[in-house]
């Protein structure tokens, strides 16, 4: 198994323990009011992976970007976990009953005006995925160790509406991971560091 930033092997058991027992190290509150949620799906393979999608080029917002399955909350959703599970079912056919929810990360603001809550869940290795072509152009798996390695991310300072923001980006094969997806992965990597 690959090494994490501290030179130690990060097993799935290590990840679960650290995720559940440590408090987040960041506290910037989300400003947006409209609610959304994404599922951060970790596939329990011998070498764990994380499922990511590339959004359809035909979408109005965030077209062609690497993302987690997710979207805005509906009135019928019981809570934001239900939102993340519903959206994951609609976008990539992840059966809600097959997801073992580990917990949530603090919400982050999206550039499209949503407060997005990342919901971390484990999936069995035999989970079958089927992309909704209206929303997802491609699905791919990234090794969990690489996805959570802080050294994989490059920070960049940008000015947006008179506010200085730090964004992260990283490459995995031919995919550029940036924006909110990279921010969530970077925060999750921070969260599980020993």
N, C-alpha and C. Protein backbone atom coordinates (compact mmCIF):
# COMPACT_ATOMS: atom_id res chain seq x y z
N UNK A 1 0.83 -1.17 0.00
CA UNK A 1 0.00 0.00 0.00
C UNK A 1 0.89 1.25 0.00
N UNK A 2 0.53 2.30 -0.72
CA UNK A 2 1.35 3.51 -0.74
C UNK A 2 1.46 4.15 0.64
N UNK A 3 2.42 5.05 0.78
CA UNK A 3 2.65 5.74 2.03
C UNK A 3 1.89 7.06 2.05
N UNK A 4 1.52 7.50 3.24
CA UNK A 4 0.90 8.82 3.36
C UNK A 4 1.98 9.87 3.55
N UNK A 5 1.59 11.11 3.83
CA UNK A 5 2.56 12.21 3.93
C UNK A 5 3.56 12.04 5.06
N UNK A 6 3.23 11.24 6.06
CA UNK A 6 4.16 11.05 7.18
C UNK A 6 5.04 9.82 6.97
N UNK A 7 4.96 9.18 5.82
CA UNK A 7 5.78 8.02 5.53
C UNK A 7 5.20 6.72 6.08
N UNK A 8 3.97 6.75 6.56
CA UNK A 8 3.33 5.56 7.09
C UNK A 8 2.31 5.04 6.09
N UNK A 9 2.10 3.72 6.13
CA UNK A 9 1.07 3.13 5.30
C UNK A 9 -0.29 3.48 5.89
N UNK A 10 -1.21 3.97 5.05
CA UNK A 10 -2.56 4.30 5.50
C UNK A 10 -3.48 3.18 5.04
N UNK A 11 -3.91 2.36 5.98
CA UNK A 11 -4.85 1.29 5.66
C UNK A 11 -6.27 1.83 5.77
N UNK A 12 -7.23 1.07 5.29
CA UNK A 12 -8.62 1.46 5.42
C UNK A 12 -9.02 1.54 6.89
N UNK A 13 -8.52 0.61 7.70
CA UNK A 13 -8.81 0.65 9.14
C UNK A 13 -8.24 1.91 9.78
N UNK A 14 -7.01 2.31 9.38
CA UNK A 14 -6.42 3.56 9.88
C UNK A 14 -7.30 4.75 9.51
N UNK A 15 -7.73 4.78 8.25
CA UNK A 15 -8.57 5.88 7.79
C UNK A 15 -9.84 5.98 8.62
N UNK A 16 -10.53 4.85 8.79
CA UNK A 16 -11.80 4.85 9.52
C UNK A 16 -11.58 5.33 10.96
N UNK A 17 -10.57 4.81 11.61
CA UNK A 17 -10.30 5.20 13.00
C UNK A 17 -10.00 6.69 13.09
N UNK A 18 -9.11 7.18 12.24
CA UNK A 18 -8.74 8.60 12.30
C UNK A 18 -9.92 9.50 11.96
N UNK A 19 -10.70 9.10 10.95
CA UNK A 19 -11.85 9.91 10.56
C UNK A 19 -12.83 10.04 11.71
N UNK A 20 -13.10 8.93 12.39
CA UNK A 20 -14.13 8.95 13.42
C UNK A 20 -13.66 9.52 14.76
N UNK A 21 -12.35 9.49 15.03
CA UNK A 21 -11.88 9.89 16.35
C UNK A 21 -11.28 11.29 16.41
N UNK A 22 -10.97 11.89 15.29
CA UNK A 22 -10.32 13.19 15.31
C UNK A 22 -11.29 14.30 14.91
N UNK A 23 -11.13 15.44 15.52
CA UNK A 23 -11.92 16.61 15.15
C UNK A 23 -11.25 17.32 13.99
N UNK A 24 -12.02 17.94 13.09
CA UNK A 24 -11.43 18.69 11.99
C UNK A 24 -10.51 19.79 12.50
N UNK A 25 -9.48 20.12 11.71
CA UNK A 25 -8.50 21.14 12.10
C UNK A 25 -8.79 22.49 11.48
N UNK A 26 -9.90 22.69 10.90
CA UNK A 26 -10.25 23.94 10.24
C UNK A 26 -11.62 24.36 10.73
N UNK A 27 -11.90 25.65 10.68
CA UNK A 27 -13.18 26.08 11.22
C UNK A 27 -13.81 27.24 10.46
N UNK A 28 -13.41 27.47 9.22
CA UNK A 28 -14.01 28.55 8.46
C UNK A 28 -15.47 28.20 8.16
N UNK A 29 -16.42 28.98 8.67
CA UNK A 29 -17.82 28.64 8.46
C UNK A 29 -18.26 28.90 7.02
N UNK A 30 -19.18 28.07 6.54
CA UNK A 30 -19.75 28.28 5.22
C UNK A 30 -20.67 29.49 5.28
N UNK A 31 -20.73 30.27 4.20
CA UNK A 31 -21.54 31.49 4.16
C UNK A 31 -22.85 31.30 3.40
N UNK A 32 -22.85 30.39 2.45
CA UNK A 32 -24.03 30.21 1.61
C UNK A 32 -25.18 29.59 2.40
N UNK A 33 -26.41 29.82 1.93
CA UNK A 33 -27.59 29.36 2.64
C UNK A 33 -28.21 28.14 1.98
N UNK A 34 -28.24 28.12 0.65
CA UNK A 34 -28.85 26.98 -0.05
C UNK A 34 -28.05 25.71 0.25
N UNK A 35 -28.76 24.63 0.57
CA UNK A 35 -28.12 23.40 1.02
C UNK A 35 -27.93 22.39 -0.11
N UNK A 36 -26.79 21.71 -0.06
CA UNK A 36 -26.49 20.62 -0.99
C UNK A 36 -25.60 19.63 -0.24
N UNK A 37 -25.44 18.45 -0.81
CA UNK A 37 -24.56 17.44 -0.21
C UNK A 37 -23.94 16.60 -1.31
N UNK A 38 -22.74 16.11 -1.03
CA UNK A 38 -22.06 15.19 -1.94
C UNK A 38 -21.69 13.94 -1.14
N UNK A 39 -21.66 12.81 -1.85
CA UNK A 39 -21.17 11.58 -1.25
C UNK A 39 -19.70 11.46 -1.60
N UNK A 40 -18.86 11.23 -0.60
CA UNK A 40 -17.44 10.96 -0.80
C UNK A 40 -17.31 9.44 -0.69
N UNK A 41 -17.43 8.73 -1.84
CA UNK A 41 -17.53 7.27 -1.80
C UNK A 41 -16.16 6.59 -1.82
N UNK A 42 -15.88 5.86 -0.75
CA UNK A 42 -14.63 5.10 -0.64
C UNK A 42 -14.96 3.64 -0.89
N UNK A 43 -14.29 3.05 -1.87
CA UNK A 43 -14.55 1.67 -2.26
C UNK A 43 -13.56 0.77 -1.51
N UNK A 44 -14.09 -0.20 -0.80
CA UNK A 44 -13.30 -1.07 0.08
C UNK A 44 -12.61 -2.18 -0.71
N UNK A 45 -11.68 -1.80 -1.55
CA UNK A 45 -10.85 -2.76 -2.29
C UNK A 45 -9.63 -3.09 -1.44
N UNK A 46 -8.84 -4.12 -1.81
CA UNK A 46 -7.60 -4.39 -1.06
C UNK A 46 -6.72 -3.14 -0.97
N UNK A 47 -6.65 -2.38 -2.05
CA UNK A 47 -6.07 -1.04 -2.02
C UNK A 47 -7.26 -0.09 -2.21
N UNK A 48 -7.74 0.54 -1.13
CA UNK A 48 -8.98 1.34 -1.21
C UNK A 48 -8.87 2.45 -2.25
N UNK A 49 -10.00 2.74 -2.86
CA UNK A 49 -10.08 3.80 -3.87
C UNK A 49 -11.25 4.72 -3.53
N UNK A 50 -11.27 5.84 -4.23
CA UNK A 50 -12.34 6.81 -4.09
C UNK A 50 -12.97 6.99 -5.47
N UNK A 51 -14.29 6.94 -5.54
CA UNK A 51 -14.98 7.12 -6.81
C UNK A 51 -15.18 8.61 -7.08
N UNK A 52 -14.75 9.05 -8.25
CA UNK A 52 -14.95 10.43 -8.70
C UNK A 52 -15.62 10.39 -10.06
N UNK A 53 -16.25 11.49 -10.42
CA UNK A 53 -16.89 11.59 -11.73
C UNK A 53 -16.34 12.81 -12.47
N UNK A 54 -16.52 12.80 -13.77
CA UNK A 54 -16.31 14.02 -14.56
C UNK A 54 -17.68 14.40 -15.07
N UNK A 55 -18.10 15.59 -14.71
CA UNK A 55 -19.44 16.06 -15.04
C UNK A 55 -19.61 16.23 -16.55
N UNK A 56 -20.82 16.06 -17.00
CA UNK A 56 -21.14 16.21 -18.41
C UNK A 56 -20.79 17.61 -18.91
N UNK A 57 -20.27 17.68 -20.12
CA UNK A 57 -19.95 18.97 -20.74
C UNK A 57 -21.22 19.76 -21.07
N UNK A 58 -22.38 19.11 -21.08
CA UNK A 58 -23.64 19.77 -21.41
C UNK A 58 -24.28 20.47 -20.21
N UNK A 59 -23.75 20.27 -19.01
CA UNK A 59 -24.35 20.89 -17.83
C UNK A 59 -24.09 22.40 -17.81
N UNK A 60 -25.02 23.15 -17.21
CA UNK A 60 -24.88 24.61 -17.14
C UNK A 60 -23.80 25.04 -16.15
N UNK A 61 -23.67 24.32 -15.04
CA UNK A 61 -22.70 24.71 -14.01
C UNK A 61 -21.66 23.61 -13.82
N UNK A 62 -20.42 24.02 -13.70
CA UNK A 62 -19.29 23.12 -13.43
C UNK A 62 -19.15 22.03 -14.50
N UNK A 63 -19.49 22.36 -15.74
CA UNK A 63 -19.41 21.39 -16.84
C UNK A 63 -17.98 20.87 -17.01
N UNK A 64 -17.86 19.55 -17.16
CA UNK A 64 -16.58 18.92 -17.41
C UNK A 64 -15.65 18.82 -16.21
N UNK A 65 -16.07 19.29 -15.05
CA UNK A 65 -15.20 19.26 -13.87
C UNK A 65 -15.27 17.91 -13.16
N UNK A 66 -14.17 17.57 -12.48
CA UNK A 66 -14.14 16.38 -11.64
C UNK A 66 -14.94 16.70 -10.38
N UNK A 67 -15.79 15.75 -9.97
CA UNK A 67 -16.69 16.00 -8.85
C UNK A 67 -17.02 14.71 -8.11
N UNK A 68 -17.64 14.88 -6.96
CA UNK A 68 -18.27 13.77 -6.26
C UNK A 68 -19.73 13.74 -6.68
N UNK A 69 -20.38 12.57 -6.62
CA UNK A 69 -21.82 12.56 -6.89
C UNK A 69 -22.53 13.37 -5.80
N UNK A 70 -23.44 14.23 -6.21
CA UNK A 70 -24.16 15.03 -5.24
C UNK A 70 -24.95 16.13 -5.90
N UNK A 71 -25.66 16.89 -5.08
CA UNK A 71 -26.46 17.98 -5.61
C UNK A 71 -27.28 18.64 -4.52
N UNK A 72 -28.23 19.46 -4.95
CA UNK A 72 -29.00 20.26 -4.01
C UNK A 72 -30.03 19.43 -3.26
N UNK A 73 -30.32 19.88 -2.05
CA UNK A 73 -31.30 19.19 -1.20
C UNK A 73 -32.70 19.42 -1.73
N UNK A 74 -33.51 18.39 -1.67
CA UNK A 74 -34.93 18.47 -2.00
C UNK A 74 -35.73 18.52 -0.71
N UNK A 75 -36.92 19.07 -0.77
CA UNK A 75 -37.78 19.14 0.42
C UNK A 75 -38.08 17.75 0.96
N UNK A 76 -38.13 16.76 0.08
CA UNK A 76 -38.47 15.40 0.48
C UNK A 76 -37.31 14.70 1.19
N UNK A 77 -36.09 15.23 1.09
CA UNK A 77 -34.94 14.60 1.74
C UNK A 77 -35.05 14.77 3.24
N UNK A 78 -34.90 13.68 3.96
CA UNK A 78 -34.99 13.71 5.42
C UNK A 78 -33.87 14.55 6.04
N UNK A 79 -32.68 14.48 5.44
CA UNK A 79 -31.51 15.21 5.92
C UNK A 79 -30.48 15.26 4.80
N UNK A 80 -29.31 15.83 5.07
CA UNK A 80 -28.30 15.96 4.01
C UNK A 80 -27.65 14.63 3.66
N UNK A 81 -27.64 13.68 4.57
CA UNK A 81 -27.17 12.33 4.21
C UNK A 81 -28.11 11.74 3.17
N UNK A 82 -29.41 11.90 3.37
CA UNK A 82 -30.39 11.41 2.40
C UNK A 82 -30.20 12.10 1.05
N UNK A 83 -29.85 13.39 1.06
CA UNK A 83 -29.58 14.12 -0.18
C UNK A 83 -28.40 13.49 -0.91
N UNK A 84 -27.30 13.27 -0.19
CA UNK A 84 -26.10 12.69 -0.81
C UNK A 84 -26.39 11.31 -1.38
N UNK A 85 -27.13 10.49 -0.64
CA UNK A 85 -27.45 9.13 -1.11
C UNK A 85 -28.38 9.16 -2.32
N UNK A 86 -29.37 10.04 -2.30
CA UNK A 86 -30.30 10.15 -3.45
C UNK A 86 -29.56 10.58 -4.70
N UNK A 87 -28.72 11.61 -4.55
CA UNK A 87 -27.97 12.11 -5.70
C UNK A 87 -26.99 11.07 -6.23
N UNK A 88 -26.34 10.32 -5.34
CA UNK A 88 -25.40 9.27 -5.78
C UNK A 88 -26.16 8.17 -6.53
N UNK A 89 -27.37 7.87 -6.11
CA UNK A 89 -28.19 6.89 -6.82
C UNK A 89 -28.56 7.43 -8.21
N UNK A 90 -28.99 8.70 -8.27
CA UNK A 90 -29.40 9.29 -9.54
C UNK A 90 -28.24 9.43 -10.52
N UNK A 91 -27.06 9.80 -10.02
CA UNK A 91 -25.94 10.08 -10.91
C UNK A 91 -25.14 8.86 -11.32
N UNK A 92 -24.89 7.93 -10.38
CA UNK A 92 -24.00 6.80 -10.70
C UNK A 92 -24.55 5.46 -10.21
N UNK A 93 -25.82 5.41 -9.83
CA UNK A 93 -26.52 4.18 -9.45
C UNK A 93 -25.94 3.47 -8.23
N UNK A 94 -25.46 4.23 -7.25
CA UNK A 94 -25.01 3.62 -6.01
C UNK A 94 -26.25 3.34 -5.16
N UNK A 95 -26.54 2.07 -4.87
CA UNK A 95 -27.71 1.78 -4.04
C UNK A 95 -27.52 2.35 -2.63
N UNK A 96 -28.44 3.18 -2.15
CA UNK A 96 -28.29 3.79 -0.83
C UNK A 96 -28.06 2.77 0.29
N UNK A 97 -28.71 1.62 0.21
CA UNK A 97 -28.57 0.62 1.28
C UNK A 97 -27.19 -0.02 1.31
N UNK A 98 -26.40 0.14 0.24
CA UNK A 98 -25.06 -0.46 0.22
C UNK A 98 -23.99 0.47 0.80
N UNK A 99 -24.36 1.70 1.12
CA UNK A 99 -23.40 2.68 1.62
C UNK A 99 -23.36 2.63 3.15
N UNK A 100 -22.17 2.42 3.70
CA UNK A 100 -21.99 2.49 5.16
C UNK A 100 -21.48 3.90 5.46
N UNK A 101 -22.34 4.74 6.03
CA UNK A 101 -22.00 6.13 6.31
C UNK A 101 -21.04 6.20 7.50
N UNK A 102 -19.88 6.86 7.30
CA UNK A 102 -18.94 7.08 8.39
C UNK A 102 -19.22 8.39 9.11
N UNK A 103 -19.67 9.39 8.35
CA UNK A 103 -19.94 10.69 8.96
C UNK A 103 -19.86 11.80 7.95
N UNK A 104 -19.83 13.02 8.43
CA UNK A 104 -19.83 14.21 7.58
C UNK A 104 -18.63 15.08 7.93
N UNK A 105 -18.21 15.85 6.93
CA UNK A 105 -17.24 16.91 7.16
C UNK A 105 -18.02 18.22 7.28
N UNK A 106 -17.41 19.25 7.85
CA UNK A 106 -18.09 20.56 7.87
C UNK A 106 -18.40 21.02 6.45
N UNK A 107 -19.48 21.76 6.26
CA UNK A 107 -19.86 22.21 4.92
C UNK A 107 -18.85 23.20 4.34
N UNK A 108 -18.82 23.23 3.01
CA UNK A 108 -17.98 24.18 2.27
C UNK A 108 -18.88 24.95 1.32
N UNK A 109 -18.45 26.15 0.95
CA UNK A 109 -19.20 26.96 0.01
C UNK A 109 -18.81 26.61 -1.42
N UNK A 110 -19.80 26.47 -2.28
CA UNK A 110 -19.53 26.28 -3.70
C UNK A 110 -19.59 27.64 -4.40
N UNK A 111 -18.94 27.72 -5.53
CA UNK A 111 -18.96 28.98 -6.28
C UNK A 111 -20.33 29.26 -6.88
N UNK A 112 -21.21 28.24 -6.89
CA UNK A 112 -22.55 28.44 -7.44
C UNK A 112 -23.58 28.78 -6.37
N UNK A 113 -23.12 29.10 -5.14
CA UNK A 113 -24.02 29.61 -4.12
C UNK A 113 -24.60 28.59 -3.17
N UNK A 114 -24.04 27.40 -3.10
CA UNK A 114 -24.55 26.37 -2.20
C UNK A 114 -23.59 26.14 -1.04
N UNK A 115 -24.16 25.78 0.10
CA UNK A 115 -23.40 25.27 1.23
C UNK A 115 -23.45 23.75 1.07
N UNK A 116 -22.29 23.14 0.81
CA UNK A 116 -22.23 21.72 0.44
C UNK A 116 -21.64 20.92 1.60
N UNK A 117 -22.39 19.92 2.04
CA UNK A 117 -21.93 19.03 3.11
C UNK A 117 -21.38 17.74 2.51
N UNK A 118 -20.09 17.46 2.72
CA UNK A 118 -19.51 16.19 2.26
C UNK A 118 -19.89 15.06 3.23
N UNK A 119 -20.45 13.99 2.70
CA UNK A 119 -20.85 12.81 3.47
C UNK A 119 -19.92 11.67 3.07
N UNK A 120 -19.15 11.16 4.02
CA UNK A 120 -18.17 10.11 3.74
C UNK A 120 -18.83 8.75 3.97
N UNK A 121 -18.73 7.88 2.94
CA UNK A 121 -19.33 6.56 3.04
C UNK A 121 -18.46 5.50 2.43
N UNK A 122 -18.57 4.28 2.95
CA UNK A 122 -17.84 3.12 2.44
C UNK A 122 -18.74 2.29 1.54
N UNK A 123 -18.18 1.80 0.44
CA UNK A 123 -18.91 0.95 -0.50
C UNK A 123 -18.23 -0.40 -0.61
N UNK A 124 -19.01 -1.48 -0.73
CA UNK A 124 -18.40 -2.78 -0.96
C UNK A 124 -17.65 -2.79 -2.31
N UNK A 125 -16.62 -3.62 -2.39
CA UNK A 125 -15.80 -3.68 -3.60
C UNK A 125 -16.60 -4.14 -4.81
N UNK A 126 -17.68 -4.88 -4.60
CA UNK A 126 -18.46 -5.39 -5.74
C UNK A 126 -19.59 -4.46 -6.17
N UNK A 127 -19.60 -3.23 -5.70
CA UNK A 127 -20.63 -2.26 -6.09
C UNK A 127 -20.51 -1.97 -7.59
N UNK A 128 -21.64 -2.04 -8.28
CA UNK A 128 -21.67 -1.73 -9.72
C UNK A 128 -22.13 -0.29 -9.89
N UNK A 129 -21.47 0.42 -10.79
CA UNK A 129 -21.80 1.82 -11.06
C UNK A 129 -22.34 1.94 -12.48
N UNK A 130 -23.27 2.85 -12.66
CA UNK A 130 -23.83 3.11 -13.98
C UNK A 130 -24.11 4.61 -14.06
N UNK A 131 -23.35 5.31 -14.89
CA UNK A 131 -23.46 6.76 -14.96
C UNK A 131 -24.71 7.21 -15.68
N UNK A 132 -25.36 8.23 -15.13
CA UNK A 132 -26.45 8.91 -15.81
C UNK A 132 -25.81 9.84 -16.83
N UNK A 133 -25.98 9.56 -18.10
CA UNK A 133 -25.28 10.31 -19.15
C UNK A 133 -25.68 11.77 -19.20
N UNK A 134 -26.85 12.13 -18.64
CA UNK A 134 -27.26 13.52 -18.59
C UNK A 134 -26.36 14.33 -17.66
N UNK A 135 -25.79 13.67 -16.65
CA UNK A 135 -25.02 14.39 -15.64
C UNK A 135 -23.55 14.01 -15.58
N UNK A 136 -23.23 12.77 -15.95
CA UNK A 136 -21.87 12.26 -15.76
C UNK A 136 -21.29 11.78 -17.09
N UNK A 137 -20.15 12.35 -17.45
CA UNK A 137 -19.48 11.95 -18.68
C UNK A 137 -18.55 10.76 -18.46
N UNK A 138 -17.98 10.67 -17.25
CA UNK A 138 -17.01 9.63 -16.98
C UNK A 138 -16.95 9.38 -15.48
N UNK A 139 -16.65 8.14 -15.10
CA UNK A 139 -16.38 7.78 -13.71
C UNK A 139 -14.98 7.19 -13.66
N UNK A 140 -14.28 7.44 -12.55
CA UNK A 140 -12.96 6.83 -12.37
C UNK A 140 -12.67 6.69 -10.89
N UNK A 141 -11.75 5.79 -10.59
CA UNK A 141 -11.35 5.56 -9.21
C UNK A 141 -9.93 6.05 -9.00
N UNK A 142 -9.72 6.72 -7.88
CA UNK A 142 -8.41 7.24 -7.51
C UNK A 142 -7.99 6.52 -6.22
N UNK A 143 -6.75 6.04 -6.13
CA UNK A 143 -6.32 5.39 -4.89
C UNK A 143 -6.51 6.34 -3.70
N UNK A 144 -7.05 5.82 -2.61
CA UNK A 144 -7.35 6.63 -1.44
C UNK A 144 -6.10 7.34 -0.92
N UNK A 145 -4.97 6.63 -0.89
CA UNK A 145 -3.74 7.25 -0.40
C UNK A 145 -3.34 8.46 -1.22
N UNK A 146 -3.50 8.38 -2.54
CA UNK A 146 -3.15 9.53 -3.38
C UNK A 146 -4.16 10.65 -3.21
N UNK A 147 -5.44 10.29 -3.13
CA UNK A 147 -6.49 11.31 -2.99
C UNK A 147 -6.32 12.11 -1.70
N UNK A 148 -5.78 11.49 -0.65
CA UNK A 148 -5.67 12.16 0.65
C UNK A 148 -4.26 12.63 0.97
N UNK A 149 -3.34 12.46 0.05
CA UNK A 149 -1.97 12.93 0.27
C UNK A 149 -1.90 14.44 0.08
N UNK A 150 -1.63 15.16 1.15
CA UNK A 150 -1.59 16.62 1.08
C UNK A 150 -0.52 17.10 0.11
N UNK A 151 0.54 16.31 -0.07
CA UNK A 151 1.62 16.68 -0.98
C UNK A 151 1.18 16.65 -2.44
N UNK A 152 0.05 16.01 -2.73
CA UNK A 152 -0.46 15.95 -4.11
C UNK A 152 -1.12 17.24 -4.57
N UNK A 153 -1.39 18.15 -3.62
CA UNK A 153 -2.16 19.35 -3.93
C UNK A 153 -1.29 20.59 -3.94
N UNK A 154 -1.52 21.42 -4.93
CA UNK A 154 -0.81 22.69 -5.06
C UNK A 154 -1.79 23.81 -4.71
N UNK A 155 -1.43 24.67 -3.73
CA UNK A 155 -2.31 25.79 -3.41
C UNK A 155 -2.13 26.93 -4.40
N UNK A 156 -3.18 27.66 -4.63
CA UNK A 156 -3.16 28.80 -5.54
C UNK A 156 -4.04 29.88 -4.94
N UNK A 157 -3.53 31.10 -4.84
CA UNK A 157 -4.30 32.23 -4.33
C UNK A 157 -5.03 32.90 -5.50
N UNK A 158 -6.33 33.08 -5.35
CA UNK A 158 -7.11 33.78 -6.38
C UNK A 158 -7.93 34.88 -5.73
N UNK A 159 -8.27 35.88 -6.53
CA UNK A 159 -9.12 36.97 -6.07
C UNK A 159 -10.50 36.75 -6.68
N UNK A 160 -11.52 36.66 -5.82
CA UNK A 160 -12.89 36.44 -6.29
C UNK A 160 -13.81 37.39 -5.56
N UNK A 161 -14.41 38.29 -6.31
CA UNK A 161 -15.33 39.28 -5.73
C UNK A 161 -14.69 39.99 -4.53
N UNK A 162 -13.54 40.50 -4.74
CA UNK A 162 -12.77 41.26 -3.75
C UNK A 162 -12.29 40.43 -2.55
N UNK A 163 -12.47 39.13 -2.59
CA UNK A 163 -11.99 38.25 -1.52
C UNK A 163 -10.82 37.42 -2.01
N UNK A 164 -9.79 37.33 -1.20
CA UNK A 164 -8.64 36.50 -1.51
C UNK A 164 -8.97 35.07 -1.06
N UNK A 165 -8.91 34.10 -1.96
CA UNK A 165 -9.23 32.72 -1.64
C UNK A 165 -8.04 31.83 -1.97
N UNK A 166 -7.89 30.78 -1.20
CA UNK A 166 -6.89 29.77 -1.53
C UNK A 166 -7.62 28.56 -2.09
N UNK A 167 -7.25 28.16 -3.30
CA UNK A 167 -7.82 26.97 -3.92
C UNK A 167 -6.70 25.97 -4.12
N UNK A 168 -7.09 24.71 -4.27
CA UNK A 168 -6.12 23.64 -4.47
C UNK A 168 -6.39 22.96 -5.80
N UNK A 169 -5.32 22.43 -6.39
CA UNK A 169 -5.51 21.59 -7.55
C UNK A 169 -4.48 20.48 -7.55
N UNK A 170 -4.84 19.39 -8.24
CA UNK A 170 -4.00 18.21 -8.31
C UNK A 170 -4.31 17.50 -9.62
N UNK A 171 -3.42 16.63 -10.03
CA UNK A 171 -3.63 15.83 -11.24
C UNK A 171 -3.69 14.36 -10.85
N UNK A 172 -4.60 13.64 -11.46
CA UNK A 172 -4.61 12.18 -11.38
C UNK A 172 -4.82 11.67 -12.79
N UNK A 173 -3.79 11.03 -13.32
CA UNK A 173 -3.78 10.60 -14.72
C UNK A 173 -4.10 11.82 -15.60
N UNK A 174 -5.16 11.77 -16.38
CA UNK A 174 -5.48 12.91 -17.25
C UNK A 174 -6.51 13.86 -16.63
N UNK A 175 -6.81 13.68 -15.37
CA UNK A 175 -7.86 14.46 -14.71
C UNK A 175 -7.26 15.54 -13.81
N UNK A 176 -7.72 16.76 -14.02
CA UNK A 176 -7.35 17.83 -13.10
C UNK A 176 -8.43 17.92 -12.02
N UNK A 177 -8.01 17.74 -10.78
CA UNK A 177 -8.93 17.82 -9.64
C UNK A 177 -8.69 19.18 -9.01
N UNK A 178 -9.73 20.00 -8.95
CA UNK A 178 -9.58 21.35 -8.43
C UNK A 178 -10.90 21.83 -7.86
N UNK A 179 -10.92 23.07 -7.42
CA UNK A 179 -12.15 23.67 -6.91
C UNK A 179 -12.63 23.00 -5.64
N UNK A 180 -13.94 22.89 -5.51
CA UNK A 180 -14.53 22.35 -4.30
C UNK A 180 -14.14 20.89 -4.07
N UNK A 181 -14.02 20.10 -5.13
CA UNK A 181 -13.64 18.70 -4.98
C UNK A 181 -12.25 18.59 -4.36
N UNK A 182 -11.30 19.36 -4.87
CA UNK A 182 -9.95 19.34 -4.30
C UNK A 182 -9.97 19.87 -2.87
N UNK A 183 -10.78 20.88 -2.60
CA UNK A 183 -10.87 21.43 -1.24
C UNK A 183 -11.38 20.37 -0.26
N UNK A 184 -12.39 19.61 -0.66
CA UNK A 184 -12.92 18.55 0.20
C UNK A 184 -11.86 17.47 0.43
N UNK A 185 -11.18 17.06 -0.63
CA UNK A 185 -10.15 16.03 -0.48
C UNK A 185 -9.01 16.52 0.40
N UNK A 186 -8.60 17.77 0.22
CA UNK A 186 -7.52 18.32 1.02
C UNK A 186 -7.94 18.38 2.51
N UNK A 187 -9.16 18.83 2.77
CA UNK A 187 -9.65 18.89 4.15
C UNK A 187 -9.75 17.49 4.76
N UNK A 188 -10.20 16.53 3.97
CA UNK A 188 -10.28 15.15 4.46
C UNK A 188 -8.88 14.62 4.76
N UNK A 189 -7.91 14.94 3.89
CA UNK A 189 -6.53 14.56 4.14
C UNK A 189 -5.99 15.19 5.42
N UNK A 190 -6.31 16.45 5.65
CA UNK A 190 -5.91 17.13 6.90
C UNK A 190 -6.55 16.44 8.11
N UNK A 191 -7.81 16.09 7.95
CA UNK A 191 -8.58 15.51 9.05
C UNK A 191 -7.99 14.19 9.54
N UNK A 192 -7.47 13.36 8.64
CA UNK A 192 -7.02 12.04 9.05
C UNK A 192 -5.51 11.97 9.32
N UNK A 193 -4.80 13.10 9.22
CA UNK A 193 -3.37 13.07 9.53
C UNK A 193 -3.16 12.74 11.00
N UNK A 194 -2.14 11.93 11.30
CA UNK A 194 -1.89 11.57 12.70
C UNK A 194 -1.40 12.78 13.49
